[in-house]
């Protein structure tokens, strides 16, 4: 059985979708994370009716609802 941080570690350099507490879905390439699930995404964008490009972002772990594999 894999631990959650091990699964997240196997997603580095891959596209992920992050649901945050304000309801937005942010997709991007996972570059790094820490034990608090603070994550760094590259080529990030907010998904929705229209896509909003963000570039490089750092998301605080306490604002993340879930992280899932991207397309």
PDB file of N, CA and C in Angstrom:
ATOM      1  N   UNK A   1       0.839  -1.180   0.000  1.00  0.00           N
ATOM      2  CA  UNK A   1       0.000   0.000   0.000  1.00  0.00           C
ATOM      3  C   UNK A   1       0.886   1.247   0.000  1.00  0.00           C
ATOM      4  N   UNK A   2       0.583   2.168  -0.906  1.00  0.00           N
ATOM      5  CA  UNK A   2       1.377   3.394  -1.007  1.00  0.00           C
ATOM      6  C   UNK A   2       0.828   4.475  -0.083  1.00  0.00           C
ATOM      7  N   UNK A   3       1.733   5.246   0.481  1.00  0.00           N
ATOM      8  CA  UNK A   3       1.343   6.380   1.308  1.00  0.00           C
ATOM      9  C   UNK A   3       1.002   7.566   0.405  1.00  0.00           C
ATOM     10  N   UNK A   4       0.127   8.462   0.862  1.00  0.00           N
ATOM     11  CA  UNK A   4      -0.275   9.600   0.021  1.00  0.00           C
ATOM     12  C   UNK A   4       0.894  10.436  -0.500  1.00  0.00           C
ATOM     13  N   UNK A   5       1.908  10.698   0.328  1.00  0.00           N
ATOM     14  CA  UNK A   5       3.039  11.494  -0.150  1.00  0.00           C
ATOM     15  C   UNK A   5       3.855  10.748  -1.195  1.00  0.00           C
ATOM     16  N   UNK A   6       3.873   9.406  -1.131  1.00  0.00           N
ATOM     17  CA  UNK A   6       4.558   8.622  -2.158  1.00  0.00           C
ATOM     18  C   UNK A   6       3.828   8.741  -3.492  1.00  0.00           C
ATOM     19  N   UNK A   7       2.508   8.703  -3.440  1.00  0.00           N
ATOM     20  CA  UNK A   7       1.705   8.856  -4.661  1.00  0.00           C
ATOM     21  C   UNK A   7       1.932  10.245  -5.248  1.00  0.00           C
ATOM     22  N   UNK A   8       1.927  11.257  -4.401  1.00  0.00           N
ATOM     23  CA  UNK A   8       2.179  12.616  -4.866  1.00  0.00           C
ATOM     24  C   UNK A   8       3.579  12.728  -5.463  1.00  0.00           C
ATOM     25  N   UNK A   9       4.549  12.078  -4.846  1.00  0.00           N
ATOM     26  CA  UNK A   9       5.914  12.088  -5.363  1.00  0.00           C
ATOM     27  C   UNK A   9       6.027  11.482  -6.748  1.00  0.00           C
ATOM     28  N   UNK A  10       5.207  10.472  -7.029  1.00  0.00           N
ATOM     29  CA  UNK A  10       5.235   9.854  -8.360  1.00  0.00           C
ATOM     30  C   UNK A  10       4.552  10.730  -9.408  1.00  0.00           C
ATOM     31  N   UNK A  11       3.902  11.808  -8.974  1.00  0.00           N
ATOM     32  CA  UNK A  11       3.231  12.727  -9.902  1.00  0.00           C
ATOM     33  C   UNK A  11       4.080  13.944 -10.259  1.00  0.00           C
ATOM     34  N   UNK A  12       5.284  14.048  -9.686  1.00  0.00           N
ATOM     35  CA  UNK A  12       6.165  15.175 -10.002  1.00  0.00           C
ATOM     36  C   UNK A  12       6.505  15.137 -11.490  1.00  0.00           C
ATOM     37  N   UNK A  13       6.489  16.310 -12.118  1.00  0.00           N
ATOM     38  CA  UNK A  13       6.722  16.495 -13.557  1.00  0.00           C
ATOM     39  C   UNK A  13       5.559  15.990 -14.408  1.00  0.00           C
ATOM     40  N   UNK A  14       4.419  15.744 -13.788  1.00  0.00           N
ATOM     41  CA  UNK A  14       3.204  15.340 -14.510  1.00  0.00           C
ATOM     42  C   UNK A  14       2.116  16.372 -14.243  1.00  0.00           C
ATOM     43  N   UNK A  15       1.137  16.421 -15.135  1.00  0.00           N
ATOM     44  CA  UNK A  15       0.018  17.340 -14.967  1.00  0.00           C
ATOM     45  C   UNK A  15      -0.932  16.828 -13.897  1.00  0.00           C
ATOM     46  N   UNK A  16      -1.335  17.724 -13.011  1.00  0.00           N
ATOM     47  CA  UNK A  16      -2.302  17.403 -11.962  1.00  0.00           C
ATOM     48  C   UNK A  16      -3.404  18.462 -11.971  1.00  0.00           C
ATOM     49  N   UNK A  17      -4.536  18.109 -11.380  1.00  0.00           N
ATOM     50  CA  UNK A  17      -5.641  19.042 -11.185  1.00  0.00           C
ATOM     51  C   UNK A  17      -5.830  19.193  -9.685  1.00  0.00           C
ATOM     52  N   UNK A  18      -5.852  20.426  -9.225  1.00  0.00           N
ATOM     53  CA  UNK A  18      -5.970  20.719  -7.796  1.00  0.00           C
ATOM     54  C   UNK A  18      -7.283  21.450  -7.552  1.00  0.00           C
ATOM     55  N   UNK A  19      -8.112  20.895  -6.692  1.00  0.00           N
ATOM     56  CA  UNK A  19      -9.348  21.567  -6.262  1.00  0.00           C
ATOM     57  C   UNK A  19      -9.011  22.339  -4.998  1.00  0.00           C
ATOM     58  N   UNK A  20      -9.303  23.644  -4.990  1.00  0.00           N
ATOM     59  CA  UNK A  20      -9.018  24.474  -3.826  1.00  0.00           C
ATOM     60  C   UNK A  20     -10.321  24.867  -3.126  1.00  0.00           C
ATOM     61  N   UNK A  21     -10.198  25.345  -1.901  1.00  0.00           N
ATOM     62  CA  UNK A  21     -11.368  25.605  -1.055  1.00  0.00           C
ATOM     63  C   UNK A  21     -12.348  26.615  -1.640  1.00  0.00           C
ATOM     64  N   UNK A  22     -11.896  27.528  -2.487  1.00  0.00           N
ATOM     65  CA  UNK A  22     -12.824  28.500  -3.072  1.00  0.00           C
ATOM     66  C   UNK A  22     -13.611  27.910  -4.242  1.00  0.00           C
ATOM     67  N   UNK A  23     -13.399  26.612  -4.530  1.00  0.00           N
ATOM     68  CA  UNK A  23     -14.164  25.913  -5.560  1.00  0.00           C
ATOM     69  C   UNK A  23     -13.497  25.840  -6.917  1.00  0.00           C
ATOM     70  N   UNK A  24     -12.386  26.525  -7.104  1.00  0.00           N
ATOM     71  CA  UNK A  24     -11.717  26.514  -8.403  1.00  0.00           C
ATOM     72  C   UNK A  24     -10.898  25.250  -8.602  1.00  0.00           C
ATOM     73  N   UNK A  25     -10.783  24.842  -9.867  1.00  0.00           N
ATOM     74  CA  UNK A  25      -9.898  23.749 -10.260  1.00  0.00           C
ATOM     75  C   UNK A  25      -8.702  24.376 -10.959  1.00  0.00           C
ATOM     76  N   UNK A  26      -7.514  24.086 -10.464  1.00  0.00           N
ATOM     77  CA  UNK A  26      -6.286  24.620 -11.042  1.00  0.00           C
ATOM     78  C   UNK A  26      -5.473  23.450 -11.576  1.00  0.00           C
ATOM     79  N   UNK A  27      -5.117  23.514 -12.848  1.00  0.00           N
ATOM     80  CA  UNK A  27      -4.295  22.450 -13.429  1.00  0.00           C
ATOM     81  C   UNK A  27      -2.912  23.001 -13.735  1.00  0.00           C
ATOM     82  N   UNK A  28      -1.929  22.118 -13.678  1.00  0.00           N
ATOM     83  CA  UNK A  28      -0.562  22.509 -13.973  1.00  0.00           C
ATOM     84  C   UNK A  28       0.374  21.340 -13.769  1.00  0.00           C
ATOM     85  N   UNK A  29       1.633  21.551 -14.095  1.00  0.00           N
ATOM     86  CA  UNK A  29       2.657  20.523 -13.941  1.00  0.00           C
ATOM     87  C   UNK A  29       3.220  20.621 -12.526  1.00  0.00           C
ATOM     88  N   UNK A  30       3.105  19.528 -11.781  1.00  0.00           N
ATOM     89  CA  UNK A  30       3.606  19.492 -10.406  1.00  0.00           C
ATOM     90  C   UNK A  30       5.130  19.495 -10.428  1.00  0.00           C
ATOM     91  N   UNK A  31       5.721  20.523  -9.831  1.00  0.00           N
ATOM     92  CA  UNK A  31       7.174  20.638  -9.789  1.00  0.00           C
ATOM     93  C   UNK A  31       7.750  20.187  -8.458  1.00  0.00           C
ATOM     94  N   UNK A  32       7.070  20.513  -7.351  1.00  0.00           N
ATOM     95  CA  UNK A  32       7.579  20.163  -6.022  1.00  0.00           C
ATOM     96  C   UNK A  32       6.451  20.267  -5.005  1.00  0.00           C
ATOM     97  N   UNK A  33       6.685  19.645  -3.830  1.00  0.00           N
ATOM     98  CA  UNK A  33       5.738  19.717  -2.722  1.00  0.00           C
ATOM     99  C   UNK A  33       6.500  19.456  -1.434  1.00  0.00           C
ATOM    100  N   UNK A  34       5.870  19.761  -0.305  1.00  0.00           N
ATOM    101  CA  UNK A  34       6.499  19.478   0.982  1.00  0.00           C
ATOM    102  C   UNK A  34       5.547  18.675   1.865  1.00  0.00           C
ATOM    103  N   UNK A  35       5.944  18.441   3.096  1.00  0.00           N
ATOM    104  CA  UNK A  35       5.152  17.596   3.994  1.00  0.00           C
ATOM    105  C   UNK A  35       3.828  18.240   4.398  1.00  0.00           C
ATOM    106  N   UNK A  36       3.684  19.548   4.161  1.00  0.00           N
ATOM    107  CA  UNK A  36       2.426  20.243   4.458  1.00  0.00           C
ATOM    108  C   UNK A  36       1.520  20.288   3.229  1.00  0.00           C
ATOM    109  N   UNK A  37       1.926  19.611   2.170  1.00  0.00           N
ATOM    110  CA  UNK A  37       1.233  19.580   0.881  1.00  0.00           C
ATOM    111  C   UNK A  37       1.172  20.977   0.244  1.00  0.00           C
ATOM    112  N   UNK A  38       2.096  21.857   0.591  1.00  0.00           N
ATOM    113  CA  UNK A  38       2.275  23.078  -0.189  1.00  0.00           C
ATOM    114  C   UNK A  38       2.835  22.603  -1.522  1.00  0.00           C
ATOM    115  N   UNK A  39       2.250  23.056  -2.621  1.00  0.00           N
ATOM    116  CA  UNK A  39       2.703  22.555  -3.922  1.00  0.00           C
ATOM    117  C   UNK A  39       3.059  23.701  -4.861  1.00  0.00           C
ATOM    118  N   UNK A  40       4.036  23.425  -5.718  1.00  0.00           N
ATOM    119  CA  UNK A  40       4.474  24.349  -6.745  1.00  0.00           C
ATOM    120  C   UNK A  40       4.035  23.767  -8.079  1.00  0.00           C
ATOM    121  N   UNK A  41       3.254  24.555  -8.831  1.00  0.00           N
ATOM    122  CA  UNK A  41       2.814  24.155 -10.163  1.00  0.00           C
ATOM    123  C   UNK A  41       3.430  25.086 -11.194  1.00  0.00           C
ATOM    124  N   UNK A  42       3.781  24.528 -12.336  1.00  0.00           N
ATOM    125  CA  UNK A  42       4.264  25.306 -13.472  1.00  0.00           C
ATOM    126  C   UNK A  42       3.211  25.221 -14.570  1.00  0.00           C
ATOM    127  N   UNK A  43       3.134  26.227 -15.420  1.00  0.00           N
ATOM    128  CA  UNK A  43       2.130  26.284 -16.498  1.00  0.00           C
ATOM    129  C   UNK A  43       0.723  26.105 -15.945  1.00  0.00           C
ATOM    130  N   UNK A  44       0.460  26.703 -14.800  1.00  0.00           N
ATOM    131  CA  UNK A  44      -0.837  26.543 -14.138  1.00  0.00           C
ATOM    132  C   UNK A  44      -1.905  27.405 -14.801  1.00  0.00           C
ATOM    133  N   UNK A  45      -3.138  26.925 -14.716  1.00  0.00           N
ATOM    134  CA  UNK A  45      -4.282  27.688 -15.205  1.00  0.00           C
ATOM    135  C   UNK A  45      -5.523  27.297 -14.417  1.00  0.00           C
ATOM    136  N   UNK A  46      -6.442  28.261 -14.287  1.00  0.00           N
ATOM    137  CA  UNK A  46      -7.721  28.002 -13.636  1.00  0.00           C
ATOM    138  C   UNK A  46      -8.665  27.463 -14.693  1.00  0.00           C
ATOM    139  N   UNK A  47      -9.250  26.312 -14.427  1.00  0.00           N
ATOM    140  CA  UNK A  47     -10.181  25.691 -15.356  1.00  0.00           C
ATOM    141  C   UNK A  47     -11.594  26.172 -15.044  1.00  0.00           C
ATOM    142  N   UNK A  48     -12.397  26.369 -16.062  1.00  0.00           N
ATOM    143  CA  UNK A  48     -13.768  26.826 -15.862  1.00  0.00           C
ATOM    144  C   UNK A  48     -14.397  27.158 -17.198  1.00  0.00           C
ATOM    145  N   UNK A  49     -15.368  28.082 -17.176  1.00  0.00           N
ATOM    146  CA  UNK A  49     -16.016  28.496 -18.423  1.00  0.00           C
ATOM    147  C   UNK A  49     -14.985  29.016 -19.416  1.00  0.00           C
ATOM    148  N   UNK A  50     -14.016  29.740 -18.889  1.00  0.00           N
ATOM    149  CA  UNK A  50     -12.885  30.156 -19.726  1.00  0.00           C
ATOM    150  C   UNK A  50     -11.613  29.951 -18.916  1.00  0.00           C
ATOM    151  N   UNK A  51     -10.579  29.547 -19.604  1.00  0.00           N
ATOM    152  CA  UNK A  51      -9.311  29.247 -18.937  1.00  0.00           C
ATOM    153  C   UNK A  51      -8.555  30.536 -18.621  1.00  0.00           C
ATOM    154  N   UNK A  52      -8.022  30.628 -17.405  1.00  0.00           N
ATOM    155  CA  UNK A  52      -7.214  31.777 -16.996  1.00  0.00           C
ATOM    156  C   UNK A  52      -5.801  31.273 -16.717  1.00  0.00           C
ATOM    157  N   UNK A  53      -4.840  31.729 -17.512  1.00  0.00           N
ATOM    158  CA  UNK A  53      -3.447  31.303 -17.351  1.00  0.00           C
ATOM    159  C   UNK A  53      -2.821  31.990 -16.137  1.00  0.00           C
ATOM    160  N   UNK A  54      -2.126  31.199 -15.322  1.00  0.00           N
ATOM    161  CA  UNK A  54      -1.477  31.725 -14.122  1.00  0.00           C
ATOM    162  C   UNK A  54       0.042  31.651 -14.187  1.00  0.00           C
ATOM    163  N   UNK A  55       0.575  30.692 -14.936  1.00  0.00           N
ATOM    164  CA  UNK A  55       2.027  30.499 -14.967  1.00  0.00           C
ATOM    165  C   UNK A  55       2.489  29.673 -13.782  1.00  0.00           C
ATOM    166  N   UNK A  56       3.527  30.144 -13.086  1.00  0.00           N
ATOM    167  CA  UNK A  56       4.055  29.435 -11.910  1.00  0.00           C
ATOM    168  C   UNK A  56       3.276  29.872 -10.672  1.00  0.00           C
ATOM    169  N   UNK A  57       2.816  28.901  -9.882  1.00  0.00           N
ATOM    170  CA  UNK A  57       2.074  29.223  -8.658  1.00  0.00           C
ATOM    171  C   UNK A  57       2.514  28.323  -7.514  1.00  0.00           C
ATOM    172  N   UNK A  58       2.362  28.848  -6.318  1.00  0.00           N
ATOM    173  CA  UNK A  58       2.575  28.086  -5.095  1.00  0.00           C
ATOM    174  C   UNK A  58       1.243  28.056  -4.367  1.00  0.00           C
ATOM    175  N   UNK A  59       0.728  26.858  -4.094  1.00  0.00           N
ATOM    176  CA  UNK A  59      -0.547  26.705  -3.394  1.00  0.00           C
ATOM    177  C   UNK A  59      -0.288  26.196  -1.988  1.00  0.00           C
ATOM    178  N   UNK A  60      -0.876  26.871  -1.015  1.00  0.00           N
ATOM    179  CA  UNK A  60      -0.748  26.432   0.383  1.00  0.00           C
ATOM    180  C   UNK A  60      -1.535  25.150   0.591  1.00  0.00           C
ATOM    181  N   UNK A  61      -0.939  24.238   1.325  1.00  0.00           N
ATOM    182  CA  UNK A  61      -1.577  22.959   1.585  1.00  0.00           C
ATOM    183  C   UNK A  61      -2.918  23.067   2.278  1.00  0.00           C
ATOM    184  N   UNK A  62      -3.092  24.069   3.150  1.00  0.00           N
ATOM    185  CA  UNK A  62      -4.363  24.177   3.869  1.00  0.00           C
ATOM    186  C   UNK A  62      -5.491  24.735   3.010  1.00  0.00           C
ATOM    187  N   UNK A  63      -5.191  25.151   1.769  1.00  0.00           N
ATOM    188  CA  UNK A  63      -6.239  25.619   0.861  1.00  0.00           C
ATOM    189  C   UNK A  63      -6.641  24.548  -0.151  1.00  0.00           C
ATOM    190  N   UNK A  64      -5.974  23.389  -0.112  1.00  0.00           N
ATOM    191  CA  UNK A  64      -6.215  22.326  -1.090  1.00  0.00           C
ATOM    192  C   UNK A  64      -7.243  21.336  -0.563  1.00  0.00           C
ATOM    193  N   UNK A  65      -8.251  21.041  -1.404  1.00  0.00           N
ATOM    194  CA  UNK A  65      -9.259  20.036  -1.069  1.00  0.00           C
ATOM    195  C   UNK A  65      -8.772  18.666  -1.528  1.00  0.00           C
ATOM    196  N   UNK A  66      -8.338  18.579  -2.809  1.00  0.00           N
ATOM    197  CA  UNK A  66      -7.776  17.332  -3.320  1.00  0.00           C
ATOM    198  C   UNK A  66      -6.869  17.600  -4.507  1.00  0.00           C
ATOM    199  N   UNK A  67      -6.060  16.605  -4.837  1.00  0.00           N
ATOM    200  CA  UNK A  67      -5.167  16.646  -5.997  1.00  0.00           C
ATOM    201  C   UNK A  67      -5.423  15.374  -6.788  1.00  0.00           C
ATOM    202  N   UNK A  68      -5.663  15.517  -8.099  1.00  0.00           N
ATOM    203  CA  UNK A  68      -5.907  14.329  -8.921  1.00  0.00           C
ATOM    204  C   UNK A  68      -5.021  14.371 -10.164  1.00  0.00           C
ATOM    205  N   UNK A  69      -4.803  13.207 -10.787  1.00  0.00           N
ATOM    206  CA  UNK A  69      -4.006  13.173 -12.018  1.00  0.00           C
ATOM    207  C   UNK A  69      -4.674  13.998 -13.109  1.00  0.00           C
ATOM    208  N   UNK A  70      -3.862  14.653 -13.930  1.00  0.00           N
ATOM    209  CA  UNK A  70      -4.392  15.455 -15.029  1.00  0.00           C
ATOM    210  C   UNK A  70      -4.624  14.619 -16.263  1.00  0.00           C
ATOM    211  N   UNK A  71      -4.914  15.323 -17.346  1.00  0.00           N
ATOM    212  CA  UNK A  71      -5.199  14.663 -18.625  1.00  0.00           C
ATOM    213  C   UNK A  71      -3.920  14.259 -19.316  1.00  0.00           C
TER     214      UNK A  71
END
